[in-house]
C-alpha atoms as a PDB file:
ATOM      1  CA  UNK A   1      -6.265 -13.129   7.240  1.00  0.00           C
ATOM      2  CA  UNK A   2      -7.251 -15.434  10.006  1.00  0.00           C
ATOM      3  CA  UNK A   3     -10.353 -15.576  12.133  1.00  0.00           C
ATOM      4  CA  UNK A   4      -8.262 -14.612  15.163  1.00  0.00           C
ATOM      5  CA  UNK A   5      -7.524 -11.151  13.759  1.00  0.00           C
ATOM      6  CA  UNK A   6      -9.746  -8.301  14.890  1.00  0.00           C
ATOM      7  CA  UNK A   7     -12.664  -7.568  12.578  1.00  0.00           C
ATOM      8  CA  UNK A   8     -11.379  -4.016  12.022  1.00  0.00           C
ATOM      9  CA  UNK A   9      -8.320  -5.448  10.255  1.00  0.00           C
ATOM     10  CA  UNK A  10     -10.461  -7.558   7.905  1.00  0.00           C
ATOM     11  CA  UNK A  11     -12.680  -4.687   6.760  1.00  0.00           C
ATOM     12  CA  UNK A  12     -11.749  -2.955   3.519  1.00  0.00           C
ATOM     13  CA  UNK A  13     -10.243   0.481   3.909  1.00  0.00           C
ATOM     14  CA  UNK A  14     -12.562   3.222   2.754  1.00  0.00           C
ATOM     15  CA  UNK A  15     -12.478   6.967   2.237  1.00  0.00           C
ATOM     16  CA  UNK A  16      -9.377   9.032   2.897  1.00  0.00           C
ATOM     17  CA  UNK A  17      -7.765   6.278   4.974  1.00  0.00           C
ATOM     18  CA  UNK A  18      -7.611   4.112   1.848  1.00  0.00           C
ATOM     19  CA  UNK A  19      -5.412   6.562   0.001  1.00  0.00           C
ATOM     20  CA  UNK A  20      -1.669   6.037  -0.222  1.00  0.00           C
ATOM     21  CA  UNK A  21       0.903   8.470  -1.515  1.00  0.00           C
ATOM     22  CA  UNK A  22       4.509   8.202  -2.608  1.00  0.00           C
ATOM     23  CA  UNK A  23       7.134  10.709  -1.508  1.00  0.00           C
ATOM     24  CA  UNK A  24       9.033  10.857  -4.797  1.00  0.00           C
ATOM     25  CA  UNK A  25      12.056  12.482  -3.175  1.00  0.00           C
ATOM     26  CA  UNK A  26      12.508   9.350  -1.042  1.00  0.00           C
ATOM     27  CA  UNK A  27      11.420   6.542  -3.377  1.00  0.00           C
ATOM     28  CA  UNK A  28      14.308   4.453  -4.739  1.00  0.00           C
ATOM     29  CA  UNK A  29      12.144   2.058  -6.779  1.00  0.00           C
ATOM     30  CA  UNK A  30      12.717  -1.045  -4.641  1.00  0.00           C
ATOM     31  CA  UNK A  31       9.282  -2.409  -5.627  1.00  0.00           C
ATOM     32  CA  UNK A  32       8.497  -3.932  -2.242  1.00  0.00           C
ATOM     33  CA  UNK A  33       5.177  -2.073  -2.067  1.00  0.00           C
ATOM     34  CA  UNK A  34       4.097  -3.674  -5.358  1.00  0.00           C
ATOM     35  CA  UNK A  35       5.051  -7.102  -4.033  1.00  0.00           C
ATOM     36  CA  UNK A  36       2.979  -6.540  -0.890  1.00  0.00           C
ATOM     37  CA  UNK A  37      -0.040  -5.068  -2.706  1.00  0.00           C
ATOM     38  CA  UNK A  38      -0.167  -6.829  -6.093  1.00  0.00           C
ATOM     39  CA  UNK A  39      -2.867  -5.456  -8.346  1.00  0.00           C
ATOM     40  CA  UNK A  40      -3.122  -2.260  -6.339  1.00  0.00           C
ATOM     41  CA  UNK A  41       0.444  -1.131  -7.017  1.00  0.00           C
ATOM     42  CA  UNK A  42       2.256  -1.779 -10.278  1.00  0.00           C
ATOM     43  CA  UNK A  43       5.816  -0.772 -11.100  1.00  0.00           C
ATOM     44  CA  UNK A  44       6.981   1.127 -14.151  1.00  0.00           C
ATOM     45  CA  UNK A  45      10.026   0.134 -16.217  1.00  0.00           C
ATOM     46  CA  UNK A  46      12.362   1.745 -13.655  1.00  0.00           C
ATOM     47  CA  UNK A  47      10.730   0.037 -10.659  1.00  0.00           C
ATOM     48  CA  UNK A  48       8.796   3.059  -9.407  1.00  0.00           C
ATOM     49  CA  UNK A  49       5.256   2.473  -8.109  1.00  0.00           C
ATOM     50  CA  UNK A  50       2.054   3.286  -9.937  1.00  0.00           C
ATOM     51  CA  UNK A  51      -0.811   3.393  -7.435  1.00  0.00           C
ATOM     52  CA  UNK A  52      -4.352   2.316  -8.296  1.00  0.00           C
ATOM     53  CA  UNK A  53      -6.319   4.188  -5.623  1.00  0.00           C
ATOM     54  CA  UNK A  54      -9.602   2.477  -6.510  1.00  0.00           C
ATOM     55  CA  UNK A  55      -8.011  -0.942  -5.960  1.00  0.00           C
ATOM     56  CA  UNK A  56      -6.294   0.248  -2.771  1.00  0.00           C
ATOM     57  CA  UNK A  57      -9.719   1.262  -1.432  1.00  0.00           C
ATOM     58  CA  UNK A  58     -10.789  -2.385  -1.496  1.00  0.00           C
ATOM     59  CA  UNK A  59      -7.811  -3.609   0.524  1.00  0.00           C
ATOM     60  CA  UNK A  60      -7.887  -4.178   4.284  1.00  0.00           C
ATOM     61  CA  UNK A  61      -6.255  -1.451   6.346  1.00  0.00           C
ATOM     62  CA  UNK A  62      -3.816  -3.994   7.753  1.00  0.00           C
ATOM     63  CA  UNK A  63      -2.405  -4.623   4.254  1.00  0.00           C
ATOM     64  CA  UNK A  64      -1.947  -0.894   3.644  1.00  0.00           C
ATOM     65  CA  UNK A  65      -0.275  -0.436   7.011  1.00  0.00           C
ATOM     66  CA  UNK A  66       2.063  -3.362   6.360  1.00  0.00           C
ATOM     67  CA  UNK A  67       3.137  -1.899   3.003  1.00  0.00           C
ATOM     68  CA  UNK A  68       3.727   1.566   4.498  1.00  0.00           C
ATOM     69  CA  UNK A  69       5.753   0.088   7.360  1.00  0.00           C
ATOM     70  CA  UNK A  70       7.814  -2.146   5.065  1.00  0.00           C
ATOM     71  CA  UNK A  71       8.958   0.558   2.659  1.00  0.00           C
ATOM     72  CA  UNK A  72      12.770   0.580   2.994  1.00  0.00           C
ATOM     73  CA  UNK A  73      12.998   4.221   1.860  1.00  0.00           C
ATOM     74  CA  UNK A  74      10.055   5.379   4.019  1.00  0.00           C
ATOM     75  CA  UNK A  75       8.550   6.781   0.820  1.00  0.00           C
ATOM     76  CA  UNK A  76       5.073   5.272   1.092  1.00  0.00           C
ATOM     77  CA  UNK A  77       2.553   6.911   3.418  1.00  0.00           C
ATOM     78  CA  UNK A  78      -1.144   7.241   4.063  1.00  0.00           C
ATOM     79  CA  UNK A  79      -2.584  10.264   2.284  1.00  0.00           C
END
């Protein structure tokens, strides 16, 4: 984050907006979400995400939005 970014993007996400969900019918186990949100998303032995909602709640909204937008299978969404 840089000082030129709006303050709203630097604040941690809280409440329902901090929650992410995986659409398991779409997820192909690419692992990009885990690469973008290390510590908050781990991958299992097949590459599928394991979400740590308490850790996601501490992340800035901009990071969550970037991960949702970058999902190649469009499987990650805000819950």
